[in-house]
């Protein structure tokens, strides 16, 4: 169900003239949400602006970015959790494939 929703959002954004970078952000955000939801009893927030500022298109047409997020456990102080994400688009497919998604031990301040 969740994949269908993400796919629908990406298709909707594409219809509205959204860029491949927007689709890459959404695919990476979905991967981050999936990773962060594994931590039971916690809440999280993704910093979309800081994440969007890190988007870079590579020479091989892949797009990579740093997903900046904050995890809060048991109503404590939020802790920054960053992920490196890379996506690739396939012709005829509206959503990109996440080809690399890695937790970054060193969060950017």
PDB file of N, CA and C in Angstrom:
ATOM      1  N   UNK A   1       0.820  -1.187   0.000  1.00  0.00           N
ATOM      2  CA  UNK A   1       0.000   0.000   0.000  1.00  0.00           C
ATOM      3  C   UNK A   1       0.868   1.257   0.000  1.00  0.00           C
ATOM      4  N   UNK A   2       1.894   1.261   0.859  1.00  0.00           N
ATOM      5  CA  UNK A   2       2.760   2.433   0.966  1.00  0.00           C
ATOM      6  C   UNK A   2       3.458   2.716  -0.364  1.00  0.00           C
ATOM      7  N   UNK A   3       3.926   1.650  -1.050  1.00  0.00           N
ATOM      8  CA  UNK A   3       4.584   1.839  -2.340  1.00  0.00           C
ATOM      9  C   UNK A   3       3.626   2.430  -3.356  1.00  0.00           C
ATOM     10  N   UNK A   4       2.366   2.015  -3.291  1.00  0.00           N
ATOM     11  CA  UNK A   4       1.369   2.546  -4.210  1.00  0.00           C
ATOM     12  C   UNK A   4       1.181   4.036  -3.969  1.00  0.00           C
ATOM     13  N   UNK A   5       1.119   4.449  -2.687  1.00  0.00           N
ATOM     14  CA  UNK A   5       0.942   5.859  -2.349  1.00  0.00           C
ATOM     15  C   UNK A   5       2.125   6.675  -2.848  1.00  0.00           C
ATOM     16  N   UNK A   6       3.334   6.179  -2.596  1.00  0.00           N
ATOM     17  CA  UNK A   6       4.526   6.893  -3.060  1.00  0.00           C
ATOM     18  C   UNK A   6       4.523   6.996  -4.580  1.00  0.00           C
ATOM     19  N   UNK A   7       4.186   5.894  -5.245  1.00  0.00           N
ATOM     20  CA  UNK A   7       4.119   5.911  -6.706  1.00  0.00           C
ATOM     21  C   UNK A   7       3.109   6.913  -7.215  1.00  0.00           C
ATOM     22  N   UNK A   8       1.959   6.962  -6.560  1.00  0.00           N
ATOM     23  CA  UNK A   8       0.914   7.905  -6.952  1.00  0.00           C
ATOM     24  C   UNK A   8       1.392   9.344  -6.784  1.00  0.00           C
ATOM     25  N   UNK A   9       2.051   9.624  -5.653  1.00  0.00           N
ATOM     26  CA  UNK A   9       2.552  10.982  -5.409  1.00  0.00           C
ATOM     27  C   UNK A   9       3.580  11.373  -6.465  1.00  0.00           C
ATOM     28  N   UNK A  10       4.476  10.454  -6.780  1.00  0.00           N
ATOM     29  CA  UNK A  10       5.504  10.753  -7.786  1.00  0.00           C
ATOM     30  C   UNK A  10       4.865  10.993  -9.151  1.00  0.00           C
ATOM     31  N   UNK A  11       3.876  10.183  -9.510  1.00  0.00           N
ATOM     32  CA  UNK A  11       3.180  10.370 -10.786  1.00  0.00           C
ATOM     33  C   UNK A  11       2.455  11.710 -10.789  1.00  0.00           C
ATOM     34  N   UNK A  12       1.816  12.029  -9.677  1.00  0.00           N
ATOM     35  CA  UNK A  12       1.106  13.301  -9.574  1.00  0.00           C
ATOM     36  C   UNK A  12       2.075  14.467  -9.703  1.00  0.00           C
ATOM     37  N   UNK A  13       3.221  14.377  -9.032  1.00  0.00           N
ATOM     38  CA  UNK A  13       4.226  15.430  -9.147  1.00  0.00           C
ATOM     39  C   UNK A  13       4.755  15.538 -10.570  1.00  0.00           C
ATOM     40  N   UNK A  14       4.930  14.396 -11.222  1.00  0.00           N
ATOM     41  CA  UNK A  14       5.409  14.402 -12.602  1.00  0.00           C
ATOM     42  C   UNK A  14       4.409  15.089 -13.513  1.00  0.00           C
ATOM     43  N   UNK A  15       3.136  14.842 -13.277  1.00  0.00           N
ATOM     44  CA  UNK A  15       2.089  15.459 -14.096  1.00  0.00           C
ATOM     45  C   UNK A  15       2.060  16.968 -13.898  1.00  0.00           C
ATOM     46  N   UNK A  16       2.473  17.422 -12.732  1.00  0.00           N
ATOM     47  CA  UNK A  16       2.485  18.852 -12.433  1.00  0.00           C
ATOM     48  C   UNK A  16       3.800  19.507 -12.841  1.00  0.00           C
ATOM     49  N   UNK A  17       4.621  18.795 -13.560  1.00  0.00           N
ATOM     50  CA  UNK A  17       5.874  19.367 -14.033  1.00  0.00           C
ATOM     51  C   UNK A  17       7.011  19.263 -13.028  1.00  0.00           C
ATOM     52  N   UNK A  18       6.883  18.404 -12.055  1.00  0.00           N
ATOM     53  CA  UNK A  18       7.949  18.241 -11.067  1.00  0.00           C
ATOM     54  C   UNK A  18       9.172  17.622 -11.737  1.00  0.00           C
ATOM     55  N   UNK A  19      10.299  17.899 -11.164  1.00  0.00           N
ATOM     56  CA  UNK A  19      11.557  17.437 -11.751  1.00  0.00           C
ATOM     57  C   UNK A  19      11.936  16.047 -11.267  1.00  0.00           C
ATOM     58  N   UNK A  20      12.953  15.500 -11.907  1.00  0.00           N
ATOM     59  CA  UNK A  20      13.503  14.232 -11.453  1.00  0.00           C
ATOM     60  C   UNK A  20      14.072  14.379 -10.046  1.00  0.00           C
ATOM     61  N   UNK A  21      14.571  15.545  -9.722  1.00  0.00           N
ATOM     62  CA  UNK A  21      15.104  15.761  -8.377  1.00  0.00           C
ATOM     63  C   UNK A  21      14.002  15.628  -7.327  1.00  0.00           C
ATOM     64  N   UNK A  22      12.806  16.123  -7.624  1.00  0.00           N
ATOM     65  CA  UNK A  22      11.679  15.979  -6.700  1.00  0.00           C
ATOM     66  C   UNK A  22      11.327  14.505  -6.503  1.00  0.00           C
ATOM     67  N   UNK A  23      11.318  13.756  -7.591  1.00  0.00           N
ATOM     68  CA  UNK A  23      11.019  12.321  -7.505  1.00  0.00           C
ATOM     69  C   UNK A  23      12.117  11.600  -6.726  1.00  0.00           C
ATOM     70  N   UNK A  24      13.372  12.010  -6.917  1.00  0.00           N
ATOM     71  CA  UNK A  24      14.481  11.411  -6.182  1.00  0.00           C
ATOM     72  C   UNK A  24      14.345  11.697  -4.686  1.00  0.00           C
ATOM     73  N   UNK A  25      13.990  12.925  -4.348  1.00  0.00           N
ATOM     74  CA  UNK A  25      13.785  13.272  -2.945  1.00  0.00           C
ATOM     75  C   UNK A  25      12.707  12.396  -2.325  1.00  0.00           C
ATOM     76  N   UNK A  26      11.587  12.245  -2.992  1.00  0.00           N
ATOM     77  CA  UNK A  26      10.485  11.457  -2.434  1.00  0.00           C
ATOM     78  C   UNK A  26      10.882   9.987  -2.267  1.00  0.00           C
ATOM     79  N   UNK A  27      11.589   9.434  -3.230  1.00  0.00           N
ATOM     80  CA  UNK A  27      12.036   8.040  -3.118  1.00  0.00           C
ATOM     81  C   UNK A  27      12.993   7.873  -1.934  1.00  0.00           C
ATOM     82  N   UNK A  28      13.900   8.817  -1.759  1.00  0.00           N
ATOM     83  CA  UNK A  28      14.844   8.744  -0.647  1.00  0.00           C
ATOM     84  C   UNK A  28      14.148   8.986   0.690  1.00  0.00           C
ATOM     85  N   UNK A  29      13.169   9.900   0.716  1.00  0.00           N
ATOM     86  CA  UNK A  29      12.409  10.136   1.946  1.00  0.00           C
ATOM     87  C   UNK A  29      11.653   8.875   2.351  1.00  0.00           C
ATOM     88  N   UNK A  30      11.109   8.171   1.380  1.00  0.00           N
ATOM     89  CA  UNK A  30      10.383   6.931   1.691  1.00  0.00           C
ATOM     90  C   UNK A  30      11.333   5.893   2.287  1.00  0.00           C
ATOM     91  N   UNK A  31      12.538   5.786   1.748  1.00  0.00           N
ATOM     92  CA  UNK A  31      13.522   4.864   2.309  1.00  0.00           C
ATOM     93  C   UNK A  31      13.893   5.272   3.735  1.00  0.00           C
ATOM     94  N   UNK A  32      14.040   6.570   3.971  1.00  0.00           N
ATOM     95  CA  UNK A  32      14.368   7.061   5.315  1.00  0.00           C
ATOM     96  C   UNK A  32      13.221   6.784   6.286  1.00  0.00           C
ATOM     97  N   UNK A  33      11.993   7.030   5.855  1.00  0.00           N
ATOM     98  CA  UNK A  33      10.835   6.748   6.727  1.00  0.00           C
ATOM     99  C   UNK A  33      10.817   5.270   7.110  1.00  0.00           C
ATOM    100  N   UNK A  34      11.065   4.420   6.143  1.00  0.00           N
ATOM    101  CA  UNK A  34      11.078   2.980   6.406  1.00  0.00           C
ATOM    102  C   UNK A  34      12.172   2.621   7.423  1.00  0.00           C
ATOM    103  N   UNK A  35      13.355   3.198   7.275  1.00  0.00           N
ATOM    104  CA  UNK A  35      14.468   2.915   8.193  1.00  0.00           C
ATOM    105  C   UNK A  35      14.192   3.468   9.590  1.00  0.00           C
ATOM    106  N   UNK A  36      13.636   4.665   9.671  1.00  0.00           N
ATOM    107  CA  UNK A  36      13.421   5.301  10.966  1.00  0.00           C
ATOM    108  C   UNK A  36      12.254   4.681  11.737  1.00  0.00           C
ATOM    109  N   UNK A  37      11.290   4.105  11.030  1.00  0.00           N
ATOM    110  CA  UNK A  37      10.138   3.495  11.696  1.00  0.00           C
ATOM    111  C   UNK A  37      10.508   2.194  12.399  1.00  0.00           C
ATOM    112  N   UNK A  38      11.673   1.663  12.123  1.00  0.00           N
ATOM    113  CA  UNK A  38      12.120   0.440  12.785  1.00  0.00           C
ATOM    114  C   UNK A  38      12.400   0.660  14.264  1.00  0.00           C
ATOM    115  N   UNK A  39      12.649   1.906  14.645  1.00  0.00           N
ATOM    116  CA  UNK A  39      12.987   2.236  16.021  1.00  0.00           C
ATOM    117  C   UNK A  39      11.691   2.440  16.809  1.00  0.00           C
ATOM    118  N   UNK A  40      11.179   1.380  17.416  1.00  0.00           N
ATOM    119  CA  UNK A  40       9.900   1.411  18.130  1.00  0.00           C
ATOM    120  C   UNK A  40       9.956   2.410  19.287  1.00  0.00           C
ATOM    121  N   UNK A  41       8.845   3.074  19.529  1.00  0.00           N
ATOM    122  CA  UNK A  41       8.762   4.020  20.632  1.00  0.00           C
ATOM    123  C   UNK A  41       9.408   5.352  20.350  1.00  0.00           C
ATOM    124  N   UNK A  42       9.669   5.644  19.100  1.00  0.00           N
ATOM    125  CA  UNK A  42      10.304   6.910  18.753  1.00  0.00           C
ATOM    126  C   UNK A  42       9.487   7.623  17.676  1.00  0.00           C
ATOM    127  N   UNK A  43       9.771   8.899  17.527  1.00  0.00           N
ATOM    128  CA  UNK A  43       9.167   9.675  16.450  1.00  0.00           C
ATOM    129  C   UNK A  43      10.305  10.302  15.655  1.00  0.00           C
ATOM    130  N   UNK A  44      10.008  10.729  14.448  1.00  0.00           N
ATOM    131  CA  UNK A  44      11.064  11.312  13.622  1.00  0.00           C
ATOM    132  C   UNK A  44      10.493  12.391  12.727  1.00  0.00           C
ATOM    133  N   UNK A  45      11.407  13.203  12.223  1.00  0.00           N
ATOM    134  CA  UNK A  45      11.052  14.276  11.298  1.00  0.00           C
ATOM    135  C   UNK A  45      12.162  14.371  10.256  1.00  0.00           C
ATOM    136  N   UNK A  46      11.769  14.544   9.000  1.00  0.00           N
ATOM    137  CA  UNK A  46      12.739  14.715   7.920  1.00  0.00           C
ATOM    138  C   UNK A  46      12.822  16.198   7.584  1.00  0.00           C
ATOM    139  N   UNK A  47      14.021  16.719   7.513  1.00  0.00           N
ATOM    140  CA  UNK A  47      14.242  18.117   7.153  1.00  0.00           C
ATOM    141  C   UNK A  47      14.318  18.193   5.624  1.00  0.00           C
ATOM    142  N   UNK A  48      13.169  18.437   5.010  1.00  0.00           N
ATOM    143  CA  UNK A  48      13.069  18.432   3.542  1.00  0.00           C
ATOM    144  C   UNK A  48      13.920  19.530   2.911  1.00  0.00           C
ATOM    145  N   UNK A  49      13.981  20.691   3.526  1.00  0.00           N
ATOM    146  CA  UNK A  49      14.738  21.812   2.946  1.00  0.00           C
ATOM    147  C   UNK A  49      16.234  21.502   2.914  1.00  0.00           C
ATOM    148  N   UNK A  50      16.777  21.067   4.054  1.00  0.00           N
ATOM    149  CA  UNK A  50      18.215  20.752   4.089  1.00  0.00           C
ATOM    150  C   UNK A  50      18.535  19.576   3.185  1.00  0.00           C
ATOM    151  N   UNK A  51      17.625  18.618   3.098  1.00  0.00           N
ATOM    152  CA  UNK A  51      17.839  17.475   2.207  1.00  0.00           C
ATOM    153  C   UNK A  51      17.842  17.937   0.751  1.00  0.00           C
ATOM    154  N   UNK A  52      16.890  18.774   0.392  1.00  0.00           N
ATOM    155  CA  UNK A  52      16.786  19.263  -0.992  1.00  0.00           C
ATOM    156  C   UNK A  52      18.018  20.081  -1.381  1.00  0.00           C
ATOM    157  N   UNK A  53      18.575  20.796  -0.427  1.00  0.00           N
ATOM    158  CA  UNK A  53      19.773  21.599  -0.707  1.00  0.00           C
ATOM    159  C   UNK A  53      20.984  20.736  -1.053  1.00  0.00           C
ATOM    160  N   UNK A  54      20.945  19.456  -0.709  1.00  0.00           N
ATOM    161  CA  UNK A  54      22.103  18.583  -0.938  1.00  0.00           C
ATOM    162  C   UNK A  54      22.017  17.786  -2.239  1.00  0.00           C
ATOM    163  N   UNK A  55      20.925  17.929  -2.979  1.00  0.00           N
ATOM    164  CA  UNK A  55      20.730  17.130  -4.200  1.00  0.00           C
ATOM    165  C   UNK A  55      21.797  17.448  -5.237  1.00  0.00           C
ATOM    166  N   UNK A  56      22.348  16.379  -5.815  1.00  0.00           N
ATOM    167  CA  UNK A  56      23.393  16.526  -6.837  1.00  0.00           C
ATOM    168  C   UNK A  56      23.149  15.499  -7.940  1.00  0.00           C
ATOM    169  N   UNK A  57      23.170  15.949  -9.192  1.00  0.00           N
ATOM    170  CA  UNK A  57      23.064  15.041 -10.326  1.00  0.00           C
ATOM    171  C   UNK A  57      24.472  14.708 -10.807  1.00  0.00           C
ATOM    172  N   UNK A  58      24.760  13.424 -10.912  1.00  0.00           N
ATOM    173  CA  UNK A  58      26.090  12.957 -11.306  1.00  0.00           C
ATOM    174  C   UNK A  58      26.211  12.813 -12.821  1.00  0.00           C
ATOM    175  N   UNK A  59      27.424  12.650 -13.296  1.00  0.00           N
ATOM    176  CA  UNK A  59      27.686  12.487 -14.728  1.00  0.00           C
ATOM    177  C   UNK A  59      27.019  11.247 -15.302  1.00  0.00           C
ATOM    178  N   UNK A  60      26.804  10.225 -14.472  1.00  0.00           N
ATOM    179  CA  UNK A  60      26.164   8.994 -14.955  1.00  0.00           C
ATOM    180  C   UNK A  60      24.635   9.052 -14.849  1.00  0.00           C
ATOM    181  N   UNK A  61      24.094  10.259 -14.664  1.00  0.00           N
ATOM    182  CA  UNK A  61      22.650  10.522 -14.559  1.00  0.00           C
ATOM    183  C   UNK A  61      22.001   9.956 -13.306  1.00  0.00           C
ATOM    184  N   UNK A  62      22.789   9.523 -12.343  1.00  0.00           N
ATOM    185  CA  UNK A  62      22.214   9.176 -11.053  1.00  0.00           C
ATOM    186  C   UNK A  62      22.071  10.470 -10.249  1.00  0.00           C
ATOM    187  N   UNK A  63      21.199  10.442  -9.273  1.00  0.00           N
ATOM    188  CA  UNK A  63      21.001  11.589  -8.395  1.00  0.00           C
ATOM    189  C   UNK A  63      21.297  11.125  -6.976  1.00  0.00           C
ATOM    190  N   UNK A  64      22.093  11.921  -6.269  1.00  0.00           N
ATOM    191  CA  UNK A  64      22.380  11.565  -4.893  1.00  0.00           C
ATOM    192  C   UNK A  64      22.103  12.741  -3.970  1.00  0.00           C
ATOM    193  N   UNK A  65      21.823  12.415  -2.723  1.00  0.00           N
ATOM    194  CA  UNK A  65      21.524  13.440  -1.742  1.00  0.00           C
ATOM    195  C   UNK A  65      21.753  12.924  -0.340  1.00  0.00           C
ATOM    196  N   UNK A  66      21.741  13.834   0.586  1.00  0.00           N
ATOM    197  CA  UNK A  66      21.844  13.518   2.008  1.00  0.00           C
ATOM    198  C   UNK A  66      20.467  13.773   2.610  1.00  0.00           C
ATOM    199  N   UNK A  67      19.846  12.726   3.159  1.00  0.00           N
ATOM    200  CA  UNK A  67      18.568  12.879   3.837  1.00  0.00           C
ATOM    201  C   UNK A  67      18.883  13.259   5.280  1.00  0.00           C
ATOM    202  N   UNK A  68      18.452  14.454   5.677  1.00  0.00           N
ATOM    203  CA  UNK A  68      18.678  14.939   7.033  1.00  0.00           C
ATOM    204  C   UNK A  68      17.408  14.676   7.835  1.00  0.00           C
ATOM    205  N   UNK A  69      17.536  13.944   8.935  1.00  0.00           N
ATOM    206  CA  UNK A  69      16.369  13.616   9.753  1.00  0.00           C
ATOM    207  C   UNK A  69      16.721  13.718  11.231  1.00  0.00           C
ATOM    208  N   UNK A  70      15.673  13.788  12.045  1.00  0.00           N
ATOM    209  CA  UNK A  70      15.839  13.873  13.486  1.00  0.00           C
ATOM    210  C   UNK A  70      14.957  12.820  14.141  1.00  0.00           C
ATOM    211  N   UNK A  71      15.570  12.024  15.000  1.00  0.00           N
ATOM    212  CA  UNK A  71      14.889  10.940  15.699  1.00  0.00           C
ATOM    213  C   UNK A  71      14.765  11.326  17.166  1.00  0.00           C
ATOM    214  N   UNK A  72      13.556  11.173  17.694  1.00  0.00           N
ATOM    215  CA  UNK A  72      13.317  11.483  19.109  1.00  0.00           C
ATOM    216  C   UNK A  72      12.835  10.214  19.793  1.00  0.00           C
ATOM    217  N   UNK A  73      13.575   9.789  20.810  1.00  0.00           N
ATOM    218  CA  UNK A  73      13.212   8.587  21.568  1.00  0.00           C
ATOM    219  C   UNK A  73      12.629   8.982  22.912  1.00  0.00           C
ATOM    220  N   UNK A  74      11.532   8.392  23.260  1.00  0.00           N
ATOM    221  CA  UNK A  74      10.919   8.570  24.582  1.00  0.00           C
ATOM    222  C   UNK A  74      10.835  10.036  24.994  1.00  0.00           C
ATOM    223  N   UNK A  75      10.386  10.877  24.080  1.00  0.00           N
ATOM    224  CA  UNK A  75      10.212  12.317  24.345  1.00  0.00           C
ATOM    225  C   UNK A  75      11.502  13.029  24.746  1.00  0.00           C
ATOM    226  N   UNK A  76      12.639  12.425  24.449  1.00  0.00           N
ATOM    227  CA  UNK A  76      13.932  13.051  24.739  1.00  0.00           C
ATOM    228  C   UNK A  76      14.288  14.078  23.673  1.00  0.00           C
ATOM    229  N   UNK A  77      15.494  14.556  23.739  1.00  0.00           N
ATOM    230  CA  UNK A  77      15.996  15.513  22.753  1.00  0.00           C
ATOM    231  C   UNK A  77      16.141  14.829  21.397  1.00  0.00           C
ATOM    232  N   UNK A  78      15.822  15.541  20.315  1.00  0.00           N
ATOM    233  CA  UNK A  78      15.990  14.938  18.988  1.00  0.00           C
ATOM    234  C   UNK A  78      17.468  14.735  18.659  1.00  0.00           C
ATOM    235  N   UNK A  79      17.754  13.600  18.012  1.00  0.00           N
ATOM    236  CA  UNK A  79      19.108  13.296  17.573  1.00  0.00           C
ATOM    237  C   UNK A  79      19.114  13.255  16.056  1.00  0.00           C
ATOM    238  N   UNK A  80      20.080  13.943  15.465  1.00  0.00           N
ATOM    239  CA  UNK A  80      20.155  13.978  14.009  1.00  0.00           C
ATOM    240  C   UNK A  80      20.618  12.630  13.479  1.00  0.00           C
ATOM    241  N   UNK A  81      19.907  12.138  12.470  1.00  0.00           N
ATOM    242  CA  UNK A  81      20.235  10.891  11.794  1.00  0.00           C
ATOM    243  C   UNK A  81      20.237  11.187  10.299  1.00  0.00           C
ATOM    244  N   UNK A  82      21.399  11.079   9.672  1.00  0.00           N
ATOM    245  CA  UNK A  82      21.511  11.373   8.241  1.00  0.00           C
ATOM    246  C   UNK A  82      21.746  10.092   7.452  1.00  0.00           C
ATOM    247  N   UNK A  83      21.291  10.115   6.204  1.00  0.00           N
ATOM    248  CA  UNK A  83      21.449   8.987   5.297  1.00  0.00           C
ATOM    249  C   UNK A  83      21.947   9.497   3.956  1.00  0.00           C
ATOM    250  N   UNK A  84      22.831   8.736   3.329  1.00  0.00           N
ATOM    251  CA  UNK A  84      23.243   9.014   1.949  1.00  0.00           C
ATOM    252  C   UNK A  84      22.354   8.165   1.054  1.00  0.00           C
ATOM    253  N   UNK A  85      21.789   8.794   0.042  1.00  0.00           N
ATOM    254  CA  UNK A  85      20.856   8.094  -0.844  1.00  0.00           C
ATOM    255  C   UNK A  85      21.228   8.396  -2.297  1.00  0.00           C
ATOM    256  N   UNK A  86      21.140   7.368  -3.130  1.00  0.00           N
ATOM    257  CA  UNK A  86      21.414   7.528  -4.562  1.00  0.00           C
ATOM    258  C   UNK A  86      20.318   6.796  -5.331  1.00  0.00           C
ATOM    259  N   UNK A  87      19.801   7.462  -6.373  1.00  0.00           N
ATOM    260  CA  UNK A  87      18.743   6.866  -7.196  1.00  0.00           C
ATOM    261  C   UNK A  87      19.128   6.886  -8.666  1.00  0.00           C
ATOM    262  N   UNK A  88      18.470   6.003  -9.416  1.00  0.00           N
ATOM    263  CA  UNK A  88      18.657   5.937 -10.869  1.00  0.00           C
ATOM    264  C   UNK A  88      17.268   5.813 -11.501  1.00  0.00           C
ATOM    265  N   UNK A  89      17.074   6.536 -12.580  1.00  0.00           N
ATOM    266  CA  UNK A  89      15.813   6.454 -13.324  1.00  0.00           C
ATOM    267  C   UNK A  89      15.947   5.464 -14.463  1.00  0.00           C
ATOM    268  N   UNK A  90      14.876   4.732 -14.704  1.00  0.00           N
ATOM    269  CA  UNK A  90      14.803   3.791 -15.809  1.00  0.00           C
ATOM    270  C   UNK A  90      13.776   4.317 -16.794  1.00  0.00           C
ATOM    271  N   UNK A  91      14.118   4.314 -18.072  1.00  0.00           N
ATOM    272  CA  UNK A  91      13.214   4.821 -19.096  1.00  0.00           C
ATOM    273  C   UNK A  91      11.868   4.097 -19.025  1.00  0.00           C
ATOM    274  N   UNK A  92      10.794   4.875 -19.068  1.00  0.00           N
ATOM    275  CA  UNK A  92       9.452   4.314 -19.053  1.00  0.00           C
ATOM    276  C   UNK A  92       8.905   4.047 -17.657  1.00  0.00           C
ATOM    277  N   UNK A  93       9.706   4.295 -16.646  1.00  0.00           N
ATOM    278  CA  UNK A  93       9.280   4.071 -15.262  1.00  0.00           C
ATOM    279  C   UNK A  93       9.233   5.428 -14.554  1.00  0.00           C
ATOM    280  N   UNK A  94       8.071   5.810 -13.995  1.00  0.00           N
ATOM    281  CA  UNK A  94       7.945   7.158 -13.422  1.00  0.00           C
ATOM    282  C   UNK A  94       8.698   7.363 -12.111  1.00  0.00           C
ATOM    283  N   UNK A  95       8.963   6.285 -11.386  1.00  0.00           N
ATOM    284  CA  UNK A  95       9.654   6.422 -10.106  1.00  0.00           C
ATOM    285  C   UNK A  95      11.081   5.900 -10.225  1.00  0.00           C
ATOM    286  N   UNK A  96      12.006   6.547  -9.541  1.00  0.00           N
ATOM    287  CA  UNK A  96      13.394   6.085  -9.603  1.00  0.00           C
ATOM    288  C   UNK A  96      13.605   4.873  -8.705  1.00  0.00           C
ATOM    289  N   UNK A  97      14.664   4.139  -8.987  1.00  0.00           N
ATOM    290  CA  UNK A  97      15.081   3.034  -8.129  1.00  0.00           C
ATOM    291  C   UNK A  97      16.138   3.555  -7.167  1.00  0.00           C
ATOM    292  N   UNK A  98      15.968   3.270  -5.886  1.00  0.00           N
ATOM    293  CA  UNK A  98      16.994   3.610  -4.903  1.00  0.00           C
ATOM    294  C   UNK A  98      18.074   2.539  -5.031  1.00  0.00           C
ATOM    295  N   UNK A  99      19.264   2.951  -5.454  1.00  0.00           N
ATOM    296  CA  UNK A  99      20.331   1.977  -5.690  1.00  0.00           C
ATOM    297  C   UNK A  99      21.354   1.955  -4.556  1.00  0.00           C
ATOM    298  N   UNK A 100      21.288   2.956  -3.670  1.00  0.00           N
ATOM    299  CA  UNK A 100      22.172   2.986  -2.514  1.00  0.00           C
ATOM    300  C   UNK A 100      21.503   3.814  -1.423  1.00  0.00           C
ATOM    301  N   UNK A 101      21.489   3.262  -0.205  1.00  0.00           N
ATOM    302  CA  UNK A 101      20.914   3.974   0.931  1.00  0.00           C
ATOM    303  C   UNK A 101      21.710   3.569   2.166  1.00  0.00           C
ATOM    304  N   UNK A 102      22.454   4.519   2.753  1.00  0.00           N
ATOM    305  CA  UNK A 102      23.403   4.218   3.809  1.00  0.00           C
ATOM    306  C   UNK A 102      23.266   5.197   4.973  1.00  0.00           C
ATOM    307  N   UNK A 103      23.273   4.657   6.191  1.00  0.00           N
ATOM    308  CA  UNK A 103      23.301   5.498   7.386  1.00  0.00           C
ATOM    309  C   UNK A 103      24.662   6.172   7.470  1.00  0.00           C
ATOM    310  N   UNK A 104      24.672   7.461   7.754  1.00  0.00           N
ATOM    311  CA  UNK A 104      25.924   8.215   7.899  1.00  0.00           C
ATOM    312  C   UNK A 104      26.218   8.408   9.381  1.00  0.00           C
ATOM    313  N   UNK A 105      27.337   7.920   9.826  1.00  0.00           N
ATOM    314  CA  UNK A 105      27.694   8.013  11.231  1.00  0.00           C
ATOM    315  C   UNK A 105      27.956   9.447  11.650  1.00  0.00           C
ATOM    316  N   UNK A 106      28.411  10.264  10.745  1.00  0.00           N
ATOM    317  CA  UNK A 106      28.733  11.648  11.048  1.00  0.00           C
ATOM    318  C   UNK A 106      27.637  12.547  10.480  1.00  0.00           C
ATOM    319  N   UNK A 107      26.777  13.090  11.327  1.00  0.00           N
ATOM    320  CA  UNK A 107      25.713  13.987  10.870  1.00  0.00           C
ATOM    321  C   UNK A 107      26.292  15.370  10.638  1.00  0.00           C
ATOM    322  N   UNK A 108      25.779  16.036   9.606  1.00  0.00           N
ATOM    323  CA  UNK A 108      26.205  17.413   9.345  1.00  0.00           C
ATOM    324  C   UNK A 108      25.482  18.341  10.299  1.00  0.00           C
ATOM    325  N   UNK A 109      26.183  19.328  10.795  1.00  0.00           N
ATOM    326  CA  UNK A 109      25.591  20.279  11.737  1.00  0.00           C
ATOM    327  C   UNK A 109      24.848  21.283  11.028  1.00  0.00           C
TER     328      UNK A 109
END
